[in-house]
Amino acid sequence: MNFDSNYVMVLTTSANEGRRQALAAKARAMADLPAGFSYGEGIPITKAAINAAEQLILLASQLDLDADVFPNLDGGCAVAFYNDSEKIEVTVSPEGDRAALTFERGIGFQYEDVITPMENVGFVEIRNQALKLRRFDNAIWKLSASSI
């Protein structure tokens, strides 16, 4: 998985453009984190990891999923996609060329894996799992009437 490029053109007409821009700015700001930003540990997030995160943020925006980005201590970062109580977390390596993916249902410590956690996933697999997350619609199971 390599998202690194000297040139990036992003065109979108999404209603989520403001959220996408704010989240991308948050990801870029993580490059300025001081060494030891987390209780004396951690290094700034690398440009390669930020570029990969921005592609994942764009994916979340296109799929109308809530998202957030977090720094990892090794110079990589994590991007999380949310839909109700389901969450996908993609951990991007500092080099931006590797990612791990978890897909969970539940909140806090009360969660279950929707799929077995995956290592070394590419963008296509991340997109496929994000599409599955997008299709979750828990409201259909909250009908007040019985169906026979």
Protein backbone atom coordinates (compact mmCIF):
# COMPACT_ATOMS: atom_id res chain seq x y z
CA MET A 1 0.00 0.00 0.00
CA ASN A 2 1.70 3.17 -1.12
CA PHE A 3 -0.15 6.47 -1.20
CA ASP A 4 2.95 8.67 -1.29
CA SER A 5 3.07 11.13 -4.18
CA ASN A 6 4.58 14.49 -4.95
CA TYR A 7 1.35 15.61 -6.58
CA VAL A 8 -2.14 15.23 -5.20
CA MET A 9 -5.35 16.46 -6.77
CA VAL A 10 -8.50 15.99 -4.79
CA LEU A 11 -11.81 16.88 -6.37
CA THR A 12 -14.98 16.33 -4.43
CA THR A 13 -18.49 17.68 -4.32
CA SER A 14 -19.37 15.89 -1.11
CA ALA A 15 -21.51 17.58 1.50
CA ASN A 16 -18.84 16.30 3.89
CA GLU A 17 -16.09 18.45 2.39
CA GLY A 18 -15.79 20.66 5.47
CA ARG A 19 -15.40 17.65 7.75
CA ARG A 20 -12.90 16.07 5.36
CA GLN A 21 -10.79 19.23 5.25
CA ALA A 22 -10.81 19.57 9.05
CA LEU A 23 -9.80 15.95 9.54
CA ALA A 24 -7.06 16.20 6.88
CA ALA A 25 -5.75 19.31 8.64
CA LYS A 26 -5.70 17.36 11.93
CA ALA A 27 -3.70 14.59 10.24
CA ARG A 28 -1.19 17.09 8.80
CA ALA A 29 -0.83 18.79 12.20
CA MET A 30 0.35 15.50 13.70
CA ALA A 31 3.66 16.01 11.83
CA ASP A 32 4.32 18.83 14.30
CA LEU A 33 3.86 16.74 17.43
CA PRO A 34 6.87 17.03 19.73
CA ALA A 35 9.03 13.99 20.41
CA GLY A 36 7.66 12.29 23.51
CA PHE A 37 4.14 13.66 22.96
CA SER A 38 2.55 10.78 24.89
CA TYR A 39 3.94 10.53 28.42
CA GLY A 40 7.51 10.82 27.16
CA GLU A 41 7.03 8.41 24.25
CA GLY A 42 6.19 8.89 20.58
CA ILE A 43 7.64 10.59 17.54
CA PRO A 44 5.94 12.95 15.04
CA ILE A 45 3.81 11.31 12.38
CA THR A 46 5.63 10.86 9.06
CA LYS A 47 4.61 12.50 5.78
CA ALA A 48 4.08 9.07 4.20
CA ALA A 49 1.66 8.03 6.97
CA ILE A 50 -0.17 11.36 6.70
CA ASN A 51 -0.54 10.96 2.92
CA ALA A 52 -2.03 7.50 3.41
CA ALA A 53 -4.33 8.82 6.15
CA GLU A 54 -5.58 11.59 3.86
CA GLN A 55 -6.58 9.00 1.24
CA LEU A 56 -8.49 7.08 3.91
CA ILE A 57 -10.14 10.28 5.14
CA LEU A 58 -11.26 10.98 1.56
CA LEU A 59 -12.68 7.45 1.36
CA ALA A 60 -14.67 8.01 4.57
CA SER A 61 -16.00 11.29 3.19
CA GLN A 62 -17.04 9.69 -0.09
CA LEU A 63 -18.86 6.91 1.78
CA ASP A 64 -20.48 9.38 4.20
CA LEU A 65 -18.90 7.67 7.21
CA ASP A 66 -17.83 9.44 10.38
CA ALA A 67 -14.07 9.24 10.81
CA ASP A 68 -11.21 10.31 13.03
CA VAL A 69 -7.42 10.10 12.92
CA PHE A 70 -5.00 9.36 15.77
CA PRO A 71 -1.20 9.39 16.08
CA ASN A 72 0.69 6.20 16.85
CA LEU A 73 3.86 6.24 18.90
CA ASP A 74 6.01 4.82 16.05
CA GLY A 75 5.40 7.68 13.58
CA GLY A 76 2.43 5.99 11.94
CA CYS A 77 -1.21 6.78 12.55
CA ALA A 78 -4.65 5.21 12.74
CA VAL A 79 -7.79 6.19 10.87
CA ALA A 80 -11.12 5.03 12.27
CA PHE A 81 -14.42 4.83 10.36
CA TYR A 82 -17.65 4.74 12.35
CA ASN A 83 -21.23 3.72 11.62
CA ASP A 84 -23.41 3.52 14.71
CA SER A 85 -21.76 0.92 17.01
CA GLU A 86 -19.55 -0.54 14.26
CA LYS A 87 -16.01 0.67 13.74
CA ILE A 88 -13.16 -0.03 11.36
CA GLU A 89 -9.70 1.02 12.46
CA VAL A 90 -6.88 1.11 9.94
CA THR A 91 -3.39 1.37 11.42
CA VAL A 92 -0.95 2.86 8.90
CA SER A 93 2.80 2.18 9.18
CA PRO A 94 5.26 5.11 9.41
CA GLU A 95 6.35 4.32 5.85
CA GLY A 96 2.73 4.54 4.68
CA ASP A 97 3.13 1.28 2.77
CA ARG A 98 1.53 -1.19 5.20
CA ALA A 99 -1.73 -1.21 7.07
CA ALA A 100 -3.58 -3.39 9.55
CA LEU A 101 -7.36 -3.43 9.83
CA THR A 102 -9.81 -4.28 12.58
CA PHE A 103 -13.61 -4.30 12.18
CA GLU A 104 -15.53 -4.30 15.46
CA ARG A 105 -19.09 -4.06 16.74
CA GLY A 106 -19.82 -2.66 20.17
CA ILE A 107 -18.78 0.22 22.37
CA GLY A 108 -15.88 0.45 24.81
CA PHE A 109 -14.64 -2.84 26.16
CA GLN A 110 -17.92 -4.55 25.20
CA TYR A 111 -17.11 -5.29 21.56
CA GLU A 112 -16.77 -8.23 19.21
CA ASP A 113 -14.73 -8.63 16.04
CA VAL A 114 -16.91 -8.56 12.92
CA ILE A 115 -14.00 -10.09 10.97
CA THR A 116 -10.66 -11.50 12.04
CA PRO A 117 -8.14 -8.63 12.34
CA MET A 118 -6.07 -8.34 9.15
CA GLU A 119 -2.40 -7.44 8.60
CA ASN A 120 -0.77 -6.04 5.45
CA VAL A 121 -4.03 -4.95 3.81
CA GLY A 122 -4.11 -2.81 0.68
CA PHE A 123 -6.40 0.03 -0.26
CA VAL A 124 -8.80 -2.24 -2.17
CA GLU A 125 -9.40 -4.42 0.91
CA ILE A 126 -9.81 -1.33 3.11
CA ARG A 127 -12.35 0.08 0.64
CA ASN A 128 -14.23 -3.25 0.53
CA GLN A 129 -14.50 -3.40 4.31
CA ALA A 130 -15.53 0.28 4.48
CA LEU A 131 -18.28 -0.46 1.96
CA LYS A 132 -19.52 -3.28 4.23
CA LEU A 133 -19.49 -0.88 7.17
CA ARG A 134 -21.45 1.65 5.12
CA ARG A 135 -24.11 -0.97 4.37
CA PHE A 136 -24.75 -1.76 8.05
CA ASP A 137 -28.17 -0.39 8.89
CA ASN A 138 -29.14 -1.26 12.42
CA ALA A 139 -32.46 0.59 12.14
CA ILE A 140 -33.99 -2.27 10.14
CA TRP A 141 -33.74 -4.47 13.25
CA LYS A 142 -35.59 -1.98 15.45
CA LEU A 143 -39.08 -2.54 14.10
CA SER A 144 -41.77 -2.32 16.76
CA ALA A 145 -44.13 -4.67 14.90
CA SER A 146 -43.77 -8.36 14.34
CA SER A 147 -43.31 -9.67 10.84
CA ILE A 148 -44.71 -13.11 10.09
